[in-house]
Amino acid sequence: MMQEIDPALAHLPMTAQKLIALVGLVNALRLIDAHGGTAINLYHSATSLEKMAAIVGREGAEKMLRFFGSDPFTVPTCRRAMIILRNRQILNEFDHLTMRDKLSARAAVAKITRQFTPHIHERTIWRILKTTGTETSAVDPRQMSLI
C-alpha cells in the first residue's frame, strides 16, 4: 500500500513521489543519494533484494520489488527540488542574518556565499533574494492560455 504524498513535495518528479509513497521519505532520500540519475533493475533474487535492503530496508525493498517487478526504473536526481530547497535556505538565512543578527544586506550576502560548497556567486544570491521564495512551474510555450 502506498502512503499519501505531502502537497509540499508536489514539485518533485513523479518517480521520486512514487518512491516516497512506497518506502517513505527518509529511505527515498537514501536511494536518491546512492543511485540518483541511474537506472536500477530489481531481480527476484536474494542478492538483489539484500543490496536494495541495505539502502531502503528489507520492507522497502520488498515493496519496491512488488511495485516495479523486474522492470528497470530510473532513480531521479531531484536537481530542481534541491535548487528550490537551497534557495529557500538562502532566503531564510538572509532574513536571520539581517533581522536577528542585525547584519547589513551586503555583509549577510558575503557570509552566505561562504556557507555553500561549491560556493555560490554573490550575484546569484542577490538574484535569489529578489524572488519571493515561491516556485512557479515552467509553462510549456506550446500550451494555449485559458484567458
N, C-alpha and C. Protein backbone atom coordinates (compact mmCIF):
# COMPACT_ATOMS: atom_id res chain seq x y z
N MET A 1 0.84 -1.19 0.00
CA MET A 1 0.00 0.00 0.00
C MET A 1 0.88 1.24 0.00
N MET A 2 0.58 2.20 -0.86
CA MET A 2 1.38 3.41 -0.96
C MET A 2 0.87 4.45 0.02
N GLN A 3 1.81 5.24 0.58
CA GLN A 3 1.47 6.31 1.51
C GLN A 3 1.00 7.53 0.72
N GLU A 4 0.27 8.43 1.37
CA GLU A 4 -0.15 9.68 0.75
C GLU A 4 1.05 10.62 0.63
N ILE A 5 1.10 11.39 -0.46
CA ILE A 5 2.19 12.34 -0.68
C ILE A 5 1.81 13.69 -0.07
N ASP A 6 2.75 14.26 0.64
CA ASP A 6 2.59 15.59 1.22
C ASP A 6 2.52 16.60 0.08
N PRO A 7 1.54 17.52 0.07
CA PRO A 7 1.45 18.51 -1.00
C PRO A 7 2.72 19.35 -1.16
N ALA A 8 3.51 19.49 -0.09
CA ALA A 8 4.75 20.26 -0.18
C ALA A 8 5.78 19.56 -1.05
N LEU A 9 5.61 18.26 -1.30
CA LEU A 9 6.55 17.51 -2.13
C LEU A 9 6.08 17.40 -3.58
N ALA A 10 5.04 18.13 -3.94
CA ALA A 10 4.46 18.03 -5.27
C ALA A 10 5.41 18.48 -6.38
N HIS A 11 6.43 19.28 -6.05
CA HIS A 11 7.36 19.75 -7.07
C HIS A 11 8.42 18.70 -7.42
N LEU A 12 8.41 17.57 -6.72
CA LEU A 12 9.36 16.50 -7.01
C LEU A 12 8.92 15.75 -8.26
N PRO A 13 9.87 15.13 -8.96
CA PRO A 13 9.50 14.31 -10.12
C PRO A 13 8.55 13.18 -9.69
N MET A 14 7.73 12.71 -10.61
CA MET A 14 6.75 11.66 -10.30
C MET A 14 7.44 10.40 -9.77
N THR A 15 8.60 10.05 -10.32
CA THR A 15 9.31 8.87 -9.84
C THR A 15 9.70 9.03 -8.38
N ALA A 16 10.14 10.21 -8.00
CA ALA A 16 10.51 10.47 -6.61
C ALA A 16 9.28 10.38 -5.72
N GLN A 17 8.15 10.89 -6.19
CA GLN A 17 6.92 10.81 -5.42
C GLN A 17 6.49 9.35 -5.21
N LYS A 18 6.66 8.54 -6.26
CA LYS A 18 6.33 7.11 -6.14
C LYS A 18 7.24 6.44 -5.12
N LEU A 19 8.53 6.75 -5.18
CA LEU A 19 9.47 6.15 -4.24
C LEU A 19 9.14 6.55 -2.80
N ILE A 20 8.80 7.82 -2.59
CA ILE A 20 8.43 8.29 -1.25
C ILE A 20 7.18 7.57 -0.76
N ALA A 21 6.21 7.41 -1.65
CA ALA A 21 4.97 6.72 -1.26
C ALA A 21 5.24 5.25 -0.93
N LEU A 22 6.19 4.64 -1.62
CA LEU A 22 6.49 3.23 -1.39
C LEU A 22 7.31 3.00 -0.13
N VAL A 23 8.41 3.73 0.01
CA VAL A 23 9.39 3.40 1.07
C VAL A 23 9.55 4.50 2.12
N GLY A 24 8.82 5.60 1.97
CA GLY A 24 8.94 6.71 2.92
C GLY A 24 10.00 7.70 2.48
N LEU A 25 9.92 8.90 3.03
CA LEU A 25 10.80 9.99 2.62
C LEU A 25 12.26 9.71 2.92
N VAL A 26 12.57 9.26 4.12
CA VAL A 26 13.97 9.05 4.51
C VAL A 26 14.62 7.99 3.63
N ASN A 27 13.94 6.87 3.42
CA ASN A 27 14.51 5.81 2.59
C ASN A 27 14.61 6.23 1.12
N ALA A 28 13.63 7.01 0.65
CA ALA A 28 13.70 7.51 -0.73
C ALA A 28 14.89 8.44 -0.90
N LEU A 29 15.15 9.29 0.09
CA LEU A 29 16.31 10.19 0.02
C LEU A 29 17.61 9.40 0.03
N ARG A 30 17.66 8.32 0.80
CA ARG A 30 18.86 7.46 0.80
C ARG A 30 19.09 6.87 -0.58
N LEU A 31 18.02 6.40 -1.21
CA LEU A 31 18.13 5.81 -2.54
C LEU A 31 18.56 6.86 -3.56
N ILE A 32 17.99 8.05 -3.49
CA ILE A 32 18.35 9.13 -4.41
C ILE A 32 19.81 9.52 -4.22
N ASP A 33 20.26 9.58 -2.97
CA ASP A 33 21.65 9.91 -2.69
C ASP A 33 22.59 8.84 -3.22
N ALA A 34 22.21 7.58 -3.08
CA ALA A 34 23.08 6.48 -3.50
C ALA A 34 23.06 6.24 -5.01
N HIS A 35 21.89 6.38 -5.64
CA HIS A 35 21.75 5.99 -7.05
C HIS A 35 21.06 7.02 -7.93
N GLY A 36 21.00 8.28 -7.51
CA GLY A 36 20.33 9.30 -8.30
C GLY A 36 20.89 9.40 -9.71
N GLY A 37 20.00 9.40 -10.69
CA GLY A 37 20.41 9.53 -12.08
C GLY A 37 20.73 8.22 -12.77
N THR A 38 20.56 7.10 -12.08
CA THR A 38 20.87 5.81 -12.68
C THR A 38 19.62 4.95 -12.79
N ALA A 39 19.67 4.01 -13.72
CA ALA A 39 18.57 3.04 -13.87
C ALA A 39 18.89 1.81 -13.03
N ILE A 40 17.87 1.30 -12.37
CA ILE A 40 18.05 0.15 -11.49
C ILE A 40 17.11 -0.96 -11.93
N ASN A 41 17.63 -2.17 -11.92
CA ASN A 41 16.82 -3.37 -12.14
C ASN A 41 16.78 -4.14 -10.83
N LEU A 42 15.60 -4.43 -10.35
CA LEU A 42 15.46 -5.31 -9.20
C LEU A 42 15.14 -6.70 -9.74
N TYR A 43 15.77 -7.69 -9.19
CA TYR A 43 15.52 -9.06 -9.63
C TYR A 43 14.96 -9.86 -8.46
N HIS A 44 14.26 -10.91 -8.78
CA HIS A 44 13.70 -11.79 -7.75
C HIS A 44 14.79 -12.72 -7.24
N SER A 45 15.86 -12.13 -6.72
CA SER A 45 16.95 -12.93 -6.15
C SER A 45 17.31 -12.36 -4.79
N ALA A 46 17.85 -13.21 -3.95
CA ALA A 46 18.23 -12.79 -2.59
C ALA A 46 19.30 -11.71 -2.64
N THR A 47 20.26 -11.84 -3.55
CA THR A 47 21.35 -10.87 -3.65
C THR A 47 20.83 -9.49 -4.02
N SER A 48 19.97 -9.42 -5.03
CA SER A 48 19.41 -8.15 -5.47
C SER A 48 18.59 -7.50 -4.35
N LEU A 49 17.80 -8.31 -3.69
CA LEU A 49 16.95 -7.80 -2.61
C LEU A 49 17.79 -7.31 -1.44
N GLU A 50 18.85 -8.01 -1.10
CA GLU A 50 19.72 -7.61 0.01
C GLU A 50 20.45 -6.30 -0.29
N LYS A 51 20.90 -6.13 -1.53
CA LYS A 51 21.57 -4.88 -1.91
C LYS A 51 20.63 -3.69 -1.73
N MET A 52 19.38 -3.85 -2.18
CA MET A 52 18.41 -2.77 -2.04
C MET A 52 18.02 -2.60 -0.58
N ALA A 53 17.91 -3.69 0.16
CA ALA A 53 17.54 -3.62 1.58
C ALA A 53 18.58 -2.87 2.39
N ALA A 54 19.83 -2.91 1.96
CA ALA A 54 20.89 -2.17 2.66
C ALA A 54 20.65 -0.67 2.57
N ILE A 55 19.91 -0.23 1.57
CA ILE A 55 19.65 1.20 1.38
C ILE A 55 18.28 1.60 1.93
N VAL A 56 17.25 0.85 1.57
CA VAL A 56 15.88 1.26 1.93
C VAL A 56 15.23 0.35 2.96
N GLY A 57 15.96 -0.60 3.49
CA GLY A 57 15.39 -1.53 4.46
C GLY A 57 14.72 -2.70 3.77
N ARG A 58 14.57 -3.79 4.49
CA ARG A 58 14.00 -5.02 3.92
C ARG A 58 12.56 -4.80 3.44
N GLU A 59 11.75 -4.18 4.27
CA GLU A 59 10.36 -3.95 3.91
C GLU A 59 10.25 -3.05 2.67
N GLY A 60 11.07 -1.99 2.62
CA GLY A 60 11.06 -1.09 1.47
C GLY A 60 11.50 -1.79 0.20
N ALA A 61 12.52 -2.64 0.30
CA ALA A 61 13.00 -3.37 -0.87
C ALA A 61 11.92 -4.32 -1.39
N GLU A 62 11.21 -4.98 -0.48
CA GLU A 62 10.14 -5.88 -0.89
C GLU A 62 8.99 -5.12 -1.55
N LYS A 63 8.65 -3.95 -1.02
CA LYS A 63 7.60 -3.12 -1.62
C LYS A 63 8.00 -2.68 -3.02
N MET A 64 9.26 -2.28 -3.17
CA MET A 64 9.74 -1.85 -4.49
C MET A 64 9.70 -3.00 -5.48
N LEU A 65 10.09 -4.19 -5.04
CA LEU A 65 10.07 -5.35 -5.92
C LEU A 65 8.64 -5.68 -6.34
N ARG A 66 7.69 -5.59 -5.43
CA ARG A 66 6.28 -5.84 -5.79
C ARG A 66 5.77 -4.77 -6.76
N PHE A 67 6.16 -3.51 -6.56
CA PHE A 67 5.66 -2.42 -7.39
C PHE A 67 6.31 -2.41 -8.78
N PHE A 68 7.65 -2.45 -8.82
CA PHE A 68 8.37 -2.34 -10.09
C PHE A 68 8.59 -3.70 -10.74
N GLY A 69 8.54 -4.77 -9.96
CA GLY A 69 8.87 -6.08 -10.51
C GLY A 69 10.32 -6.08 -10.96
N SER A 70 10.59 -6.73 -12.06
CA SER A 70 11.96 -6.72 -12.58
C SER A 70 12.13 -5.69 -13.69
N ASP A 71 11.14 -4.80 -13.84
CA ASP A 71 11.25 -3.72 -14.83
C ASP A 71 12.25 -2.68 -14.35
N PRO A 72 13.11 -2.19 -15.23
CA PRO A 72 14.05 -1.14 -14.81
C PRO A 72 13.31 0.16 -14.51
N PHE A 73 13.83 0.91 -13.55
CA PHE A 73 13.29 2.23 -13.25
C PHE A 73 14.46 3.16 -12.96
N THR A 74 14.27 4.43 -13.29
CA THR A 74 15.33 5.41 -13.09
C THR A 74 15.11 6.14 -11.77
N VAL A 75 16.17 6.22 -10.99
CA VAL A 75 16.13 6.96 -9.73
C VAL A 75 16.42 8.42 -10.08
N PRO A 76 15.53 9.34 -9.76
CA PRO A 76 15.72 10.74 -10.15
C PRO A 76 16.85 11.40 -9.35
N THR A 77 17.39 12.47 -9.91
CA THR A 77 18.41 13.24 -9.19
C THR A 77 17.77 14.33 -8.34
N CYS A 78 16.56 14.72 -8.68
CA CYS A 78 15.81 15.77 -7.97
C CYS A 78 16.57 17.09 -7.95
N ARG A 79 17.27 17.39 -9.02
CA ARG A 79 18.08 18.61 -9.10
C ARG A 79 17.23 19.87 -8.88
N ARG A 80 16.09 19.95 -9.53
CA ARG A 80 15.24 21.14 -9.40
C ARG A 80 14.77 21.31 -7.95
N ALA A 81 14.38 20.21 -7.34
CA ALA A 81 13.93 20.27 -5.94
C ALA A 81 15.06 20.71 -5.02
N MET A 82 16.28 20.24 -5.29
CA MET A 82 17.42 20.63 -4.47
C MET A 82 17.72 22.12 -4.61
N ILE A 83 17.56 22.65 -5.82
CA ILE A 83 17.77 24.09 -6.04
C ILE A 83 16.70 24.88 -5.29
N ILE A 84 15.46 24.41 -5.34
CA ILE A 84 14.38 25.09 -4.62
C ILE A 84 14.67 25.11 -3.12
N LEU A 85 15.10 23.97 -2.58
CA LEU A 85 15.43 23.90 -1.16
C LEU A 85 16.60 24.81 -0.81
N ARG A 86 17.63 24.83 -1.68
CA ARG A 86 18.78 25.71 -1.45
C ARG A 86 18.34 27.16 -1.43
N ASN A 87 17.49 27.55 -2.38
CA ASN A 87 17.03 28.93 -2.45
C ASN A 87 16.21 29.32 -1.21
N ARG A 88 15.37 28.39 -0.74
CA ARG A 88 14.62 28.66 0.49
C ARG A 88 15.57 28.85 1.67
N GLN A 89 16.60 28.02 1.71
CA GLN A 89 17.58 28.13 2.79
C GLN A 89 18.29 29.48 2.74
N ILE A 90 18.63 29.94 1.54
CA ILE A 90 19.29 31.24 1.38
C ILE A 90 18.36 32.36 1.86
N LEU A 91 17.09 32.31 1.46
CA LEU A 91 16.14 33.33 1.89
C LEU A 91 15.99 33.34 3.42
N ASN A 92 15.88 32.17 4.01
CA ASN A 92 15.75 32.09 5.48
C ASN A 92 17.00 32.58 6.19
N GLU A 93 18.16 32.20 5.67
CA GLU A 93 19.42 32.62 6.30
C GLU A 93 19.60 34.13 6.19
N PHE A 94 19.24 34.70 5.04
CA PHE A 94 19.34 36.14 4.86
C PHE A 94 18.45 36.87 5.87
N ASP A 95 17.21 36.39 6.01
CA ASP A 95 16.30 37.00 6.99
C ASP A 95 16.88 36.90 8.40
N HIS A 96 17.43 35.76 8.73
CA HIS A 96 18.01 35.56 10.07
C HIS A 96 19.18 36.52 10.30
N LEU A 97 20.07 36.61 9.31
CA LEU A 97 21.26 37.45 9.47
C LEU A 97 20.92 38.94 9.53
N THR A 98 19.95 39.36 8.75
CA THR A 98 19.63 40.79 8.72
C THR A 98 18.68 41.21 9.83
N MET A 99 17.77 40.35 10.24
CA MET A 99 16.79 40.73 11.26
C MET A 99 17.28 40.42 12.68
N ARG A 100 17.77 39.22 12.88
CA ARG A 100 18.16 38.84 14.24
C ARG A 100 19.59 39.24 14.57
N ASP A 101 20.51 39.04 13.61
CA ASP A 101 21.91 39.37 13.86
C ASP A 101 22.26 40.80 13.49
N LYS A 102 21.31 41.50 12.87
CA LYS A 102 21.45 42.91 12.51
C LYS A 102 22.62 43.20 11.57
N LEU A 103 22.94 42.23 10.69
CA LEU A 103 23.97 42.48 9.68
C LEU A 103 23.37 43.30 8.54
N SER A 104 24.22 44.02 7.84
CA SER A 104 23.75 44.73 6.65
C SER A 104 23.47 43.68 5.57
N ALA A 105 22.73 44.08 4.55
CA ALA A 105 22.42 43.16 3.46
C ALA A 105 23.69 42.66 2.78
N ARG A 106 24.64 43.57 2.53
CA ARG A 106 25.90 43.17 1.89
C ARG A 106 26.69 42.20 2.74
N ALA A 107 26.77 42.46 4.04
CA ALA A 107 27.50 41.56 4.94
C ALA A 107 26.83 40.19 5.01
N ALA A 108 25.50 40.18 5.01
CA ALA A 108 24.76 38.92 5.05
C ALA A 108 25.02 38.11 3.78
N VAL A 109 24.98 38.75 2.63
CA VAL A 109 25.23 38.06 1.37
C VAL A 109 26.66 37.52 1.33
N ALA A 110 27.62 38.31 1.78
CA ALA A 110 29.01 37.86 1.81
C ALA A 110 29.16 36.62 2.70
N LYS A 111 28.47 36.61 3.81
CA LYS A 111 28.54 35.46 4.72
C LYS A 111 27.87 34.23 4.11
N ILE A 112 26.74 34.43 3.45
CA ILE A 112 26.01 33.32 2.83
C ILE A 112 26.83 32.67 1.73
N THR A 113 27.58 33.46 0.95
CA THR A 113 28.37 32.89 -0.15
C THR A 113 29.36 31.86 0.35
N ARG A 114 29.86 32.02 1.55
CA ARG A 114 30.86 31.09 2.09
C ARG A 114 30.24 29.86 2.73
N GLN A 115 28.93 29.84 2.88
CA GLN A 115 28.27 28.71 3.53
C GLN A 115 27.99 27.54 2.59
N PHE A 116 28.05 27.76 1.31
CA PHE A 116 27.69 26.72 0.36
C PHE A 116 28.93 26.18 -0.34
N THR A 117 28.94 24.87 -0.55
CA THR A 117 30.01 24.23 -1.30
C THR A 117 29.35 23.47 -2.44
N PRO A 118 29.67 23.70 -3.69
CA PRO A 118 30.59 24.75 -4.13
C PRO A 118 30.00 26.13 -3.85
N HIS A 119 30.89 27.09 -3.74
CA HIS A 119 30.47 28.45 -3.40
C HIS A 119 29.54 29.01 -4.47
N ILE A 120 28.61 29.82 -4.02
CA ILE A 120 27.67 30.48 -4.92
C ILE A 120 28.10 31.93 -5.06
N HIS A 121 28.07 32.42 -6.27
CA HIS A 121 28.47 33.80 -6.53
C HIS A 121 27.47 34.76 -5.89
N GLU A 122 27.97 35.90 -5.43
CA GLU A 122 27.10 36.91 -4.81
C GLU A 122 25.95 37.32 -5.71
N ARG A 123 26.22 37.43 -7.01
CA ARG A 123 25.16 37.84 -7.94
C ARG A 123 24.01 36.82 -7.94
N THR A 124 24.36 35.54 -7.83
CA THR A 124 23.32 34.51 -7.78
C THR A 124 22.48 34.67 -6.52
N ILE A 125 23.12 34.96 -5.40
CA ILE A 125 22.38 35.15 -4.15
C ILE A 125 21.48 36.38 -4.25
N TRP A 126 21.99 37.47 -4.81
CA TRP A 126 21.14 38.66 -4.98
C TRP A 126 19.94 38.34 -5.87
N ARG A 127 20.16 37.55 -6.93
CA ARG A 127 19.07 37.16 -7.82
C ARG A 127 18.02 36.34 -7.05
N ILE A 128 18.48 35.43 -6.19
CA ILE A 128 17.57 34.62 -5.37
C ILE A 128 16.80 35.51 -4.41
N LEU A 129 17.48 36.49 -3.82
CA LEU A 129 16.84 37.38 -2.85
C LEU A 129 15.76 38.25 -3.49
N LYS A 130 15.85 38.47 -4.79
CA LYS A 130 14.84 39.27 -5.49
C LYS A 130 13.57 38.47 -5.78
N THR A 131 13.60 37.16 -5.52
CA THR A 131 12.40 36.34 -5.72
C THR A 131 11.58 36.36 -4.44
N THR A 132 10.38 35.85 -4.53
CA THR A 132 9.52 35.81 -3.35
C THR A 132 9.65 34.51 -2.58
N GLY A 133 10.39 33.56 -3.15
CA GLY A 133 10.53 32.27 -2.49
C GLY A 133 9.47 31.28 -2.91
N THR A 134 8.55 31.70 -3.77
CA THR A 134 7.54 30.77 -4.26
C THR A 134 8.00 30.23 -5.60
N GLU A 135 7.77 28.95 -5.80
CA GLU A 135 8.17 28.33 -7.05
C GLU A 135 7.06 28.50 -8.07
N THR A 136 7.46 28.74 -9.28
CA THR A 136 6.49 28.76 -10.36
C THR A 136 6.84 27.63 -11.29
N SER A 137 5.83 26.93 -11.74
CA SER A 137 6.10 25.82 -12.65
C SER A 137 6.34 26.38 -14.04
N ALA A 138 7.22 25.72 -14.75
CA ALA A 138 7.53 26.15 -16.11
C ALA A 138 6.31 25.89 -16.99
N VAL A 139 5.98 26.85 -17.81
CA VAL A 139 4.84 26.72 -18.70
C VAL A 139 5.36 26.35 -20.07
N ASP A 140 4.75 25.35 -20.65
CA ASP A 140 5.11 24.92 -21.99
C ASP A 140 4.65 26.00 -22.96
N PRO A 141 5.58 26.57 -23.77
CA PRO A 141 5.19 27.65 -24.69
C PRO A 141 4.17 27.21 -25.73
N ARG A 142 4.03 25.90 -25.95
CA ARG A 142 3.06 25.40 -26.92
C ARG A 142 1.66 25.35 -26.35
N GLN A 143 1.55 25.49 -25.02
CA GLN A 143 0.25 25.41 -24.37
C GLN A 143 -0.50 26.72 -24.54
N MET A 144 -1.78 26.63 -24.88
CA MET A 144 -2.59 27.83 -25.08
C MET A 144 -3.04 28.39 -23.74
N SER A 145 -3.23 29.68 -23.70
CA SER A 145 -3.72 30.34 -22.50
C SER A 145 -5.22 30.09 -22.35
N LEU A 146 -5.68 30.01 -21.11
CA LEU A 146 -7.11 29.82 -20.87
C LEU A 146 -7.88 31.13 -20.96
N ILE A 147 -7.18 32.23 -20.89
CA ILE A 147 -7.85 33.53 -20.90
C ILE A 147 -7.54 34.26 -22.18
